[in-house]
C-alpha atoms as a PDB file:
ATOM      1  CA  MET A   1       3.285  -8.289-176.567  1.00  0.00           C
ATOM      2  CA  ASN A   2      -0.184  -6.763-176.473  1.00  0.00           C
ATOM      3  CA  PHE A   3      -0.337  -3.720-178.745  1.00  0.00           C
ATOM      4  CA  ASP A   4      -3.995  -2.938-178.020  1.00  0.00           C
ATOM      5  CA  ILE A   5      -4.466   0.373-176.128  1.00  0.00           C
ATOM      6  CA  SER A   6      -8.257   0.130-175.971  1.00  0.00           C
ATOM      7  CA  HIS A   7      -8.181  -0.219-172.177  1.00  0.00           C
ATOM      8  CA  LEU A   8      -6.351   3.127-171.897  1.00  0.00           C
ATOM      9  CA  LEU A   9      -8.796   4.900-174.192  1.00  0.00           C
ATOM     10  CA  GLU A  10     -11.809   3.457-172.389  1.00  0.00           C
ATOM     11  CA  GLN A  11     -10.560   4.968-169.120  1.00  0.00           C
ATOM     12  CA  TRP A  12     -10.010   8.390-170.672  1.00  0.00           C
ATOM     13  CA  ASP A  13     -12.857   9.718-172.818  1.00  0.00           C
ATOM     14  CA  TYR A  14     -12.193  12.122-175.635  1.00  0.00           C
ATOM     15  CA  GLN A  15     -14.164  15.371-175.357  1.00  0.00           C
ATOM     16  CA  PRO A  16     -14.392  17.401-178.596  1.00  0.00           C
ATOM     17  CA  GLY A  17     -13.187  20.966-178.150  1.00  0.00           C
ATOM     18  CA  GLU A  18     -11.277  20.189-174.936  1.00  0.00           C
ATOM     19  CA  VAL A  19      -7.517  19.765-174.529  1.00  0.00           C
ATOM     20  CA  ALA A  20      -7.216  16.660-172.348  1.00  0.00           C
ATOM     21  CA  VAL A  21      -3.640  16.278-171.102  1.00  0.00           C
ATOM     22  CA  ARG A  22      -1.801  14.419-168.366  1.00  0.00           C
ATOM     23  CA  LYS A  23       1.797  14.184-167.195  1.00  0.00           C
ATOM     24  CA  PHE A  24       3.406  11.193-165.505  1.00  0.00           C
ATOM     25  CA  LYS A  25       6.776   9.660-164.689  1.00  0.00           C
ATOM     26  CA  VAL A  26       8.192   6.487-166.207  1.00  0.00           C
ATOM     27  CA  LYS A  27      10.518   3.953-164.572  1.00  0.00           C
ATOM     28  CA  ASP A  28      13.712   5.945-165.169  1.00  0.00           C
ATOM     29  CA  GLY A  29      12.194   8.990-163.444  1.00  0.00           C
ATOM     30  CA  SER A  30      11.772  11.071-166.591  1.00  0.00           C
ATOM     31  CA  GLU A  31       8.424  12.667-167.393  1.00  0.00           C
ATOM     32  CA  ARG A  32       6.061  11.988-170.261  1.00  0.00           C
ATOM     33  CA  ILE A  33       3.047  13.933-171.481  1.00  0.00           C
ATOM     34  CA  GLN A  34      -0.007  12.393-173.078  1.00  0.00           C
ATOM     35  CA  LEU A  35      -2.590  14.229-175.170  1.00  0.00           C
ATOM     36  CA  ARG A  36      -5.956  12.562-175.769  1.00  0.00           C
ATOM     37  CA  VAL A  37      -7.041  12.904-179.404  1.00  0.00           C
ATOM     38  CA  ASP A  38     -10.138  11.546-181.104  1.00  0.00           C
ATOM     39  CA  LEU A  39      -8.438   8.387-182.400  1.00  0.00           C
ATOM     40  CA  GLY A  40      -6.060   7.686-179.540  1.00  0.00           C
ATOM     41  CA  LEU A  41      -3.157   9.228-177.655  1.00  0.00           C
ATOM     42  CA  LEU A  42      -0.132  11.333-178.457  1.00  0.00           C
ATOM     43  CA  GLN A  43       2.759  10.738-176.075  1.00  0.00           C
ATOM     44  CA  MET A  44       5.831  12.930-175.846  1.00  0.00           C
ATOM     45  CA  ASN A  45       8.833  13.609-173.638  1.00  0.00           C
ATOM     46  CA  ALA A  46       8.460  16.553-171.268  1.00  0.00           C
ATOM     47  CA  THR A  47      11.950  17.845-172.125  1.00  0.00           C
ATOM     48  CA  GLY A  48      14.307  17.572-175.069  1.00  0.00           C
ATOM     49  CA  ARG A  49      12.921  16.630-178.453  1.00  0.00           C
ATOM     50  CA  PRO A  50       9.318  15.535-177.858  1.00  0.00           C
ATOM     51  CA  ASP A  51       9.670  12.166-179.613  1.00  0.00           C
ATOM     52  CA  GLY A  52      12.855  11.360-177.674  1.00  0.00           C
ATOM     53  CA  LYS A  53      14.984  10.899-180.799  1.00  0.00           C
ATOM     54  CA  ARG A  54      18.453  12.381-181.232  1.00  0.00           C
ATOM     55  CA  PRO A  55      18.942  13.080-184.945  1.00  0.00           C
ATOM     56  CA  PHE A  56      22.614  12.924-185.931  1.00  0.00           C
ATOM     57  CA  GLY A  57      23.456  12.615-182.238  1.00  0.00           C
ATOM     58  CA  ARG A  58      21.983  16.035-181.439  1.00  0.00           C
ATOM     59  CA  GLU A  59      19.082  16.956-179.173  1.00  0.00           C
ATOM     60  CA  SER A  60      17.163  18.190-182.199  1.00  0.00           C
ATOM     61  CA  LEU A  61      17.365  18.472-185.955  1.00  0.00           C
ATOM     62  CA  PHE A  62      17.566  22.223-185.511  1.00  0.00           C
ATOM     63  CA  GLN A  63      20.790  21.816-183.534  1.00  0.00           C
ATOM     64  CA  HIS A  64      22.131  19.648-186.358  1.00  0.00           C
ATOM     65  CA  TYR A  65      21.480  22.405-188.890  1.00  0.00           C
ATOM     66  CA  GLN A  66      23.047  24.969-186.578  1.00  0.00           C
ATOM     67  CA  ALA A  67      26.154  22.761-186.406  1.00  0.00           C
ATOM     68  CA  ARG A  68      26.162  22.527-190.219  1.00  0.00           C
ATOM     69  CA  LEU A  69      26.087  26.309-190.406  1.00  0.00           C
ATOM     70  CA  GLU A  70      29.019  26.636-188.012  1.00  0.00           C
ATOM     71  CA  LYS A  71      31.006  24.078-190.029  1.00  0.00           C
ATOM     72  CA  TYR A  72      30.201  26.010-193.200  1.00  0.00           C
ATOM     73  CA  ARG A  73      31.468  29.219-191.625  1.00  0.00           C
ATOM     74  CA  ARG A  74      34.707  27.560-190.517  1.00  0.00           C
ATOM     75  CA  THR A  75      35.411  26.461-194.075  1.00  0.00           C
ATOM     76  CA  HIS A  76      34.404  29.804-195.636  1.00  0.00           C
ATOM     77  CA  GLY A  77      36.443  32.235-193.595  1.00  0.00           C
ATOM     78  CA  GLY A  78      33.694  32.893-191.069  1.00  0.00           C
ATOM     79  CA  SER A  79      31.136  33.853-193.718  1.00  0.00           C
ATOM     80  CA  ASP A  80      27.717  32.241-194.108  1.00  0.00           C
ATOM     81  CA  HIS A  81      27.251  33.596-197.633  1.00  0.00           C
ATOM     82  CA  GLY A  82      26.003  30.770-199.822  1.00  0.00           C
ATOM     83  CA  PHE A  83      24.618  28.653-196.985  1.00  0.00           C
ATOM     84  CA  THR A  84      21.033  27.764-197.847  1.00  0.00           C
ATOM     85  CA  LEU A  85      18.186  25.605-196.623  1.00  0.00           C
ATOM     86  CA  LYS A  86      16.455  23.749-199.424  1.00  0.00           C
ATOM     87  CA  ALA A  87      12.793  22.733-199.502  1.00  0.00           C
ATOM     88  CA  ASP A  88      13.511  19.350-197.911  1.00  0.00           C
ATOM     89  CA  ASP A  89      15.500  20.977-195.095  1.00  0.00           C
ATOM     90  CA  CYS A  90      12.703  23.428-194.332  1.00  0.00           C
ATOM     91  CA  ALA A  91      10.102  20.658-194.419  1.00  0.00           C
ATOM     92  CA  LYS A  92      12.090  18.631-191.876  1.00  0.00           C
ATOM     93  CA  LEU A  93      12.512  21.631-189.574  1.00  0.00           C
ATOM     94  CA  GLN A  94       8.808  22.405-189.871  1.00  0.00           C
ATOM     95  CA  GLN A  95       7.879  18.820-189.018  1.00  0.00           C
ATOM     96  CA  GLU A  96      10.075  18.959-185.931  1.00  0.00           C
ATOM     97  CA  ALA A  97       8.581  22.331-184.945  1.00  0.00           C
ATOM     98  CA  ILE A  98       5.122  20.727-185.031  1.00  0.00           C
ATOM     99  CA  GLN A  99       6.260  18.317-182.312  1.00  0.00           C
ATOM    100  CA  TYR A 100       7.181  21.257-180.084  1.00  0.00           C
ATOM    101  CA  HIS A 101       3.876  22.909-180.986  1.00  0.00           C
ATOM    102  CA  HIS A 102       1.947  19.904-179.679  1.00  0.00           C
ATOM    103  CA  ARG A 103       3.994  19.977-176.497  1.00  0.00           C
ATOM    104  CA  TYR A 104       3.649  23.658-175.671  1.00  0.00           C
ATOM    105  CA  ILE A 105      -0.121  23.382-176.152  1.00  0.00           C
ATOM    106  CA  CYS A 106      -0.094  20.548-173.611  1.00  0.00           C
ATOM    107  CA  LEU A 107       2.217  22.425-171.251  1.00  0.00           C
ATOM    108  CA  PHE A 108      -0.083  25.435-171.286  1.00  0.00           C
ATOM    109  CA  GLN A 109      -2.995  23.213-170.285  1.00  0.00           C
ATOM    110  CA  LEU A 110      -0.825  21.770-167.495  1.00  0.00           C
ATOM    111  CA  GLU A 111      -0.026  25.364-166.387  1.00  0.00           C
ATOM    112  CA  ASP A 112       3.691  24.809-166.991  1.00  0.00           C
ATOM    113  CA  TYR A 113       4.115  28.307-168.366  1.00  0.00           C
ATOM    114  CA  ALA A 114       7.908  28.279-168.137  1.00  0.00           C
ATOM    115  CA  GLY A 115       7.883  25.208-170.371  1.00  0.00           C
ATOM    116  CA  VAL A 116       5.590  26.979-172.841  1.00  0.00           C
ATOM    117  CA  ILE A 117       7.984  29.924-173.017  1.00  0.00           C
ATOM    118  CA  ARG A 118      10.934  27.563-173.520  1.00  0.00           C
ATOM    119  CA  ASP A 119       9.293  25.704-176.421  1.00  0.00           C
ATOM    120  CA  THR A 120       7.756  28.746-178.124  1.00  0.00           C
ATOM    121  CA  GLU A 121      11.043  30.654-178.015  1.00  0.00           C
ATOM    122  CA  ARG A 122      12.777  27.590-179.401  1.00  0.00           C
ATOM    123  CA  ASN A 123      10.376  27.485-182.362  1.00  0.00           C
ATOM    124  CA  LEU A 124      10.728  31.234-182.890  1.00  0.00           C
ATOM    125  CA  GLU A 125      14.468  30.686-183.159  1.00  0.00           C
ATOM    126  CA  VAL A 126      13.834  27.989-185.794  1.00  0.00           C
ATOM    127  CA  PHE A 127      11.577  30.356-187.744  1.00  0.00           C
ATOM    128  CA  GLY A 128      14.272  33.022-187.637  1.00  0.00           C
ATOM    129  CA  PHE A 129      16.845  30.507-188.886  1.00  0.00           C
ATOM    130  CA  VAL A 130      14.631  29.540-191.830  1.00  0.00           C
ATOM    131  CA  ASN A 131      13.876  33.206-192.506  1.00  0.00           C
ATOM    132  CA  GLU A 132      17.627  33.852-192.767  1.00  0.00           C
ATOM    133  CA  TYR A 133      18.712  30.890-194.870  1.00  0.00           C
ATOM    134  CA  ALA A 134      15.769  29.428-196.822  1.00  0.00           C
ATOM    135  CA  GLU A 135      16.409  29.484-200.568  1.00  0.00           C
ATOM    136  CA  SER A 136      13.054  31.105-201.392  1.00  0.00           C
ATOM    137  CA  ASP A 137      10.449  33.432-199.910  1.00  0.00           C
ATOM    138  CA  ASP A 138       7.805  30.739-200.308  1.00  0.00           C
ATOM    139  CA  LEU A 139       9.777  28.448-198.003  1.00  0.00           C
ATOM    140  CA  VAL A 140      10.153  31.271-195.495  1.00  0.00           C
ATOM    141  CA  TRP A 141       6.404  31.919-195.413  1.00  0.00           C
ATOM    142  CA  SER A 142       5.665  28.196-195.023  1.00  0.00           C
ATOM    143  CA  LEU A 143       6.859  28.581-191.416  1.00  0.00           C
ATOM    144  CA  GLN A 144       6.395  32.300-190.801  1.00  0.00           C
ATOM    145  CA  GLN A 145       2.637  32.042-191.363  1.00  0.00           C
ATOM    146  CA  PHE A 146       2.413  30.273-187.982  1.00  0.00           C
ATOM    147  CA  CYS A 147       4.347  32.985-186.156  1.00  0.00           C
ATOM    148  CA  PRO A 148       1.280  34.901-184.822  1.00  0.00           C
ATOM    149  CA  GLN A 149      -0.041  31.765-183.094  1.00  0.00           C
ATOM    150  CA  LEU A 150       3.398  31.067-181.676  1.00  0.00           C
ATOM    151  CA  LEU A 151       3.745  34.630-180.391  1.00  0.00           C
ATOM    152  CA  MET A 152       0.270  34.495-178.855  1.00  0.00           C
ATOM    153  CA  MET A 153       1.108  31.366-176.844  1.00  0.00           C
ATOM    154  CA  ARG A 154       4.327  32.901-175.557  1.00  0.00           C
ATOM    155  CA  ILE A 155       2.465  36.085-174.606  1.00  0.00           C
ATOM    156  CA  ARG A 156      -0.233  34.095-172.815  1.00  0.00           C
ATOM    157  CA  ALA A 157       2.347  32.103-170.885  1.00  0.00           C
ATOM    158  CA  LYS A 158       4.224  35.232-169.796  1.00  0.00           C
ATOM    159  CA  GLY A 159       0.972  36.947-168.891  1.00  0.00           C
ATOM    160  CA  MET A 160      -0.192  33.980-166.821  1.00  0.00           C
ATOM    161  CA  LEU A 161       3.095  33.931-164.899  1.00  0.00           C
ATOM    162  CA  ALA A 162       2.622  37.618-164.081  1.00  0.00           C
ATOM    163  CA  LEU A 163      -0.984  37.075-162.977  1.00  0.00           C
ATOM    164  CA  ARG A 164       0.070  34.100-160.863  1.00  0.00           C
ATOM    165  CA  ASP A 165       2.233  36.544-158.879  1.00  0.00           C
ATOM    166  CA  ASP A 166      -0.610  39.123-158.790  1.00  0.00           C
ATOM    167  CA  LYS A 167       1.374  41.435-161.068  1.00  0.00           C
ATOM    168  CA  HIS A 168      -1.579  42.727-163.054  1.00  0.00           C
ATOM    169  CA  GLU A 169       0.183  45.773-164.474  1.00  0.00           C
ATOM    170  CA  GLU A 170       3.027  43.583-165.683  1.00  0.00           C
ATOM    171  CA  ALA A 171       0.533  41.220-167.341  1.00  0.00           C
ATOM    172  CA  VAL A 172      -1.114  44.170-169.108  1.00  0.00           C
ATOM    173  CA  GLU A 173       2.274  45.380-170.327  1.00  0.00           C
ATOM    174  CA  VAL A 174       3.177  41.893-171.603  1.00  0.00           C
ATOM    175  CA  ILE A 175      -0.057  41.654-173.602  1.00  0.00           C
ATOM    176  CA  GLU A 176       0.139  45.190-175.007  1.00  0.00           C
ATOM    177  CA  ASP A 177       3.759  44.674-176.089  1.00  0.00           C
ATOM    178  CA  GLY A 178       2.788  41.300-177.547  1.00  0.00           C
ATOM    179  CA  LEU A 179      -0.036  42.799-179.572  1.00  0.00           C
ATOM    180  CA  ASP A 180       2.407  45.333-180.996  1.00  0.00           C
ATOM    181  CA  GLU A 181       4.794  42.504-181.858  1.00  0.00           C
ATOM    182  CA  ILE A 182       2.109  40.570-183.776  1.00  0.00           C
ATOM    183  CA  ARG A 183       0.961  43.681-185.635  1.00  0.00           C
ATOM    184  CA  ASP A 184       4.598  44.453-186.529  1.00  0.00           C
ATOM    185  CA  PHE A 185       4.925  40.919-187.892  1.00  0.00           C
ATOM    186  CA  TYR A 186       2.069  41.489-190.343  1.00  0.00           C
ATOM    187  CA  ARG A 187       3.501  44.849-191.379  1.00  0.00           C
ATOM    188  CA  GLN A 188       7.001  43.452-191.925  1.00  0.00           C
ATOM    189  CA  HIS A 189       5.614  40.736-194.181  1.00  0.00           C
ATOM    190  CA  SER A 190       3.254  43.183-195.964  1.00  0.00           C
ATOM    191  CA  ARG A 191       0.241  41.189-194.810  1.00  0.00           C
ATOM    192  CA  GLN A 192      -1.816  43.974-193.247  1.00  0.00           C
ATOM    193  CA  ASP A 193      -4.788  42.316-194.919  1.00  0.00           C
ATOM    194  CA  LEU A 194      -4.530  39.521-192.352  1.00  0.00           C
ATOM    195  CA  MET A 195      -4.239  41.817-189.356  1.00  0.00           C
ATOM    196  CA  GLU A 196      -7.909  42.716-189.005  1.00  0.00           C
ATOM    197  CA  GLN A 197      -9.020  39.087-189.140  1.00  0.00           C
ATOM    198  CA  SER A 198      -6.234  37.760-186.917  1.00  0.00           C
ATOM    199  CA  GLY A 199      -7.711  35.404-184.331  1.00  0.00           C
ATOM    200  CA  GLU A 200      -4.584  35.840-182.225  1.00  0.00           C
ATOM    201  CA  ILE A 201      -5.027  39.610-182.016  1.00  0.00           C
ATOM    202  CA  HIS A 202      -8.740  39.324-181.209  1.00  0.00           C
ATOM    203  CA  SER A 203      -8.050  36.711-178.539  1.00  0.00           C
ATOM    204  CA  LEU A 204      -5.378  38.797-176.834  1.00  0.00           C
ATOM    205  CA  GLU A 205      -7.481  41.974-176.999  1.00  0.00           C
ATOM    206  CA  SER A 206     -10.363  40.146-175.298  1.00  0.00           C
ATOM    207  CA  TRP A 207      -8.024  38.801-172.626  1.00  0.00           C
ATOM    208  CA  LEU A 208      -6.578  42.273-172.071  1.00  0.00           C
ATOM    209  CA  GLN A 209     -10.058  43.706-171.538  1.00  0.00           C
ATOM    210  CA  GLU A 210     -10.870  40.888-169.125  1.00  0.00           C
ATOM    211  CA  ILE A 211      -7.740  41.640-167.087  1.00  0.00           C
ATOM    212  CA  HIS A 212      -8.593  45.349-167.009  1.00  0.00           C
ATOM    213  CA  ASN A 213     -12.078  44.510-165.740  1.00  0.00           C
ATOM    214  CA  LYS A 214     -10.801  42.176-163.022  1.00  0.00           C
ATOM    215  CA  ARG A 215      -7.771  44.206-161.971  1.00  0.00           C
ATOM    216  CA  PRO A 216      -7.746  44.845-158.205  1.00  0.00           C
ATOM    217  CA  LEU A 217      -8.145  48.516-157.342  1.00  0.00           C
ATOM    218  CA  SER A 218      -5.157  50.359-155.923  1.00  0.00           C
ATOM    219  CA  GLU A 219      -5.456  52.016-152.514  1.00  0.00           C
ATOM    220  CA  ARG A 220      -5.824  55.380-154.225  1.00  0.00           C
ATOM    221  CA  GLU A 221      -8.597  54.095-156.508  1.00  0.00           C
ATOM    222  CA  LYS A 222     -10.450  52.591-153.547  1.00  0.00           C
ATOM    223  CA  LEU A 223     -10.347  55.919-151.737  1.00  0.00           C
ATOM    224  CA  GLU A 224     -11.476  57.815-154.829  1.00  0.00           C
ATOM    225  CA  HIS A 225     -14.448  55.468-155.216  1.00  0.00           C
ATOM    226  CA  ALA A 226     -15.236  55.869-151.520  1.00  0.00           C
ATOM    227  CA  LEU A 227     -15.118  59.657-151.891  1.00  0.00           C
ATOM    228  CA  ASP A 228     -17.485  59.571-154.857  1.00  0.00           C
ATOM    229  CA  GLU A 229     -19.874  57.355-152.920  1.00  0.00           C
ATOM    230  CA  ALA A 230     -19.769  59.602-149.814  1.00  0.00           C
ATOM    231  CA  VAL A 231     -20.502  62.700-151.901  1.00  0.00           C
ATOM    232  CA  ARG A 232     -23.316  60.907-153.708  1.00  0.00           C
ATOM    233  CA  ARG A 233     -24.905  60.023-150.342  1.00  0.00           C
ATOM    234  CA  GLU A 234     -24.194  63.571-149.082  1.00  0.00           C
ATOM    235  CA  ASP A 235     -22.213  62.090-146.211  1.00  0.00           C
ATOM    236  CA  TYR A 236     -19.864  65.052-145.968  1.00  0.00           C
ATOM    237  CA  GLU A 237     -18.226  63.920-142.742  1.00  0.00           C
ATOM    238  CA  LYS A 238     -17.204  60.661-144.442  1.00  0.00           C
ATOM    239  CA  ALA A 239     -16.127  62.568-147.516  1.00  0.00           C
ATOM    240  CA  ALA A 240     -13.833  64.774-145.414  1.00  0.00           C
ATOM    241  CA  GLN A 241     -12.266  61.670-143.811  1.00  0.00           C
ATOM    242  CA  VAL A 242     -11.627  60.117-147.203  1.00  0.00           C
ATOM    243  CA  ARG A 243     -10.074  63.357-148.503  1.00  0.00           C
ATOM    244  CA  ASP A 244      -7.712  63.359-145.529  1.00  0.00           C
ATOM    245  CA  ALA A 245      -6.800  59.747-146.276  1.00  0.00           C
ATOM    246  CA  LEU A 246      -6.086  60.688-149.894  1.00  0.00           C
ATOM    247  CA  ARG A 247      -3.850  63.569-148.813  1.00  0.00           C
ATOM    248  CA  ASN A 248      -1.983  61.305-146.400  1.00  0.00           C
ATOM    249  CA  LEU A 249      -1.524  58.752-149.216  1.00  0.00           C
ATOM    250  CA  LYS A 250      -0.005  61.410-151.470  1.00  0.00           C
ATOM    251  CA  THR A 251       2.237  62.660-148.642  1.00  0.00           C
ATOM    252  CA  SER A 252       3.507  59.166-147.828  1.00  0.00           C
ATOM    253  CA  ARG A 253       4.608  58.772-151.448  1.00  0.00           C
END
């Protein structure tokens, strides 16, 4: 067996600063994703756990820990009091979450926004699980510190889906609500000191401004601009026509 992948790397140059991704099908019909990195390739499954493993017979390690919690509740009268995640448990869940992180970055580049939402929401659920059951605040923060980036990617994916359907107002609402969610995260964790320097907040604010600048004008806005232009040119006949059109627009609504 030839283990050398040089021929694959030679056909696919690595470009610093660019996310180079491709998706393809294998013999059984399932899809794989490859990410070009400086020293080679990362390959992952397009669905399920990215590395294709099934820890303890489950789709993911997270599902295994969820099953452990349910078993604990069954043996403790339905209570989860006393159930804890130790440092090793949190480290394993974090390592698995990194796999999903790599994949949703790739999926965003491939414009599979539904897949991005699926994987980001999955990781948010993991973070919430650790937040609830980790044995120390330090272990909680070890994952929670990545929450703003995770929220930003979910917001971007939802916003892109809205823009794809020409729903600009919906995209604006998604981003504004998302910004509030990230700011609330910093407040809840008493890390307002990080809010002002948050790259996620700055990135989303810039994107929001870009959408505002590119937003198609409504029929009313077009008429208002036309009226302003007619008045500026002292074309009062045109101005009267535009005013009538504005009145008719209001009446029709």
